[in-house]
Protein backbone atom coordinates (compact mmCIF):
# COMPACT_ATOMS: atom_id res chain seq x y z
CA MET A 1 -1.37 12.99 -7.87
CA GLU A 2 0.43 15.25 -9.77
CA GLU A 3 3.22 11.60 -9.70
CA HIS A 4 0.32 9.63 -10.56
CA ASP A 5 -0.81 11.98 -13.29
CA LYS A 6 2.73 11.73 -15.02
CA LEU A 7 2.68 7.76 -14.99
CA ILE A 8 -0.75 7.30 -16.43
CA GLU A 9 0.50 9.63 -18.82
CA LYS A 10 3.52 7.50 -19.76
CA PHE A 11 2.35 3.82 -19.17
CA GLY A 12 -1.22 3.86 -19.64
CA ASN A 13 -3.34 3.20 -16.90
CA GLU A 14 -3.12 1.83 -13.47
CA LEU A 15 -2.61 -1.68 -14.18
CA ASN A 16 0.20 -0.81 -16.34
CA VAL A 17 2.02 0.51 -14.17
CA LEU A 18 1.64 -1.41 -11.60
CA LEU A 19 1.51 -4.55 -13.01
CA ASN A 20 4.15 -4.51 -15.80
CA VAL A 21 6.77 -0.82 -16.03
CA PRO A 22 10.29 -2.47 -15.55
CA LYS A 23 11.45 -0.49 -12.62
CA GLU A 24 13.85 1.05 -15.05
CA ASP A 25 11.30 2.34 -16.97
CA LEU A 26 9.67 3.53 -13.09
CA LEU A 27 12.44 5.35 -12.98
CA LYS A 28 12.44 7.32 -15.75
CA VAL A 29 9.31 8.91 -15.09
CA THR A 30 9.48 9.03 -11.95
CA ASN A 31 11.64 9.80 -8.36
CA GLU A 32 13.64 6.21 -7.07
CA LYS A 33 11.51 6.49 -4.10
CA ILE A 34 8.01 6.08 -5.23
CA ALA A 35 9.39 2.90 -7.98
CA ASP A 36 11.16 1.33 -5.13
CA ALA A 37 6.97 1.52 -2.99
CA ILE A 38 5.51 0.08 -7.13
CA ILE A 39 8.36 -2.64 -7.10
CA LYS A 40 8.16 -3.95 -3.29
CA VAL A 41 3.76 -3.77 -3.60
CA ARG A 42 4.68 -5.73 -6.68
CA GLU A 43 5.90 -8.30 -5.24
CA GLY A 44 3.84 -8.95 -2.10
CA LYS A 45 7.17 -7.43 0.08
CA VAL A 46 4.20 -5.03 1.49
CA LYS A 47 2.67 -5.16 4.64
CA TYR A 48 -1.04 -3.12 6.33
CA LYS A 49 -1.94 -1.99 9.83
CA ALA A 50 -5.51 -2.60 9.46
CA GLY A 51 -7.92 0.40 10.03
CA TYR A 52 -10.72 1.19 12.16
CA ASP A 53 -13.78 3.11 14.00
CA GLY A 54 -13.66 5.45 10.38
CA THR A 55 -9.30 5.37 10.24
CA TYR A 56 -8.14 4.37 7.56
CA GLY A 57 -5.47 1.71 6.73
CA VAL A 58 -1.84 1.97 6.65
CA ALA A 59 0.72 0.52 4.02
CA ILE A 60 3.69 -0.27 6.21
CA PHE A 61 6.97 -0.80 3.42
CA ASP A 62 9.36 -1.79 6.42
CA GLU A 63 9.73 -4.96 6.01
CA ASN A 64 11.21 -5.77 9.82
CA PHE A 65 8.06 -3.39 10.68
CA VAL A 66 6.11 -5.87 13.50
CA PRO A 67 2.87 -5.14 13.95
CA GLU A 68 1.02 -3.31 17.87
CA LYS A 69 -0.82 -6.75 19.30
CA MET A 70 -4.86 -5.20 19.10
CA GLU A 71 -6.97 -6.39 22.04
CA ILE A 72 -10.01 -8.20 21.17
CA SER A 73 -13.15 -8.25 23.20
CA SER A 74 -15.91 -10.48 22.92
CA GLN A 75 -19.43 -9.01 21.69
CA LYS A 76 -21.68 -9.45 23.80
CA SER A 77 -25.44 -10.41 24.34
CA LEU A 78 -28.39 -9.06 24.96
CA LYS A 79 -28.15 -10.26 28.84
CA ASP A 80 -24.49 -8.99 29.31
CA PHE A 81 -26.74 -5.45 29.45
């Protein structure tokens, strides 16, 4: 939250940070890892592993990540019980 608050204080709001602020300006306020993550989100280079059953999804910043395939069973009808 501390990094978030510093960015918002300097650049006004989250949308401005996520969409407009150049990387060079981000680096003046936060560390390189956070600046790189913001730029990757902006450029659509982040993959997401979906959440399920009360489990949060996860953002994947590694470009080489291949998600595991989830086994999906077909929905049962009332006759199956």
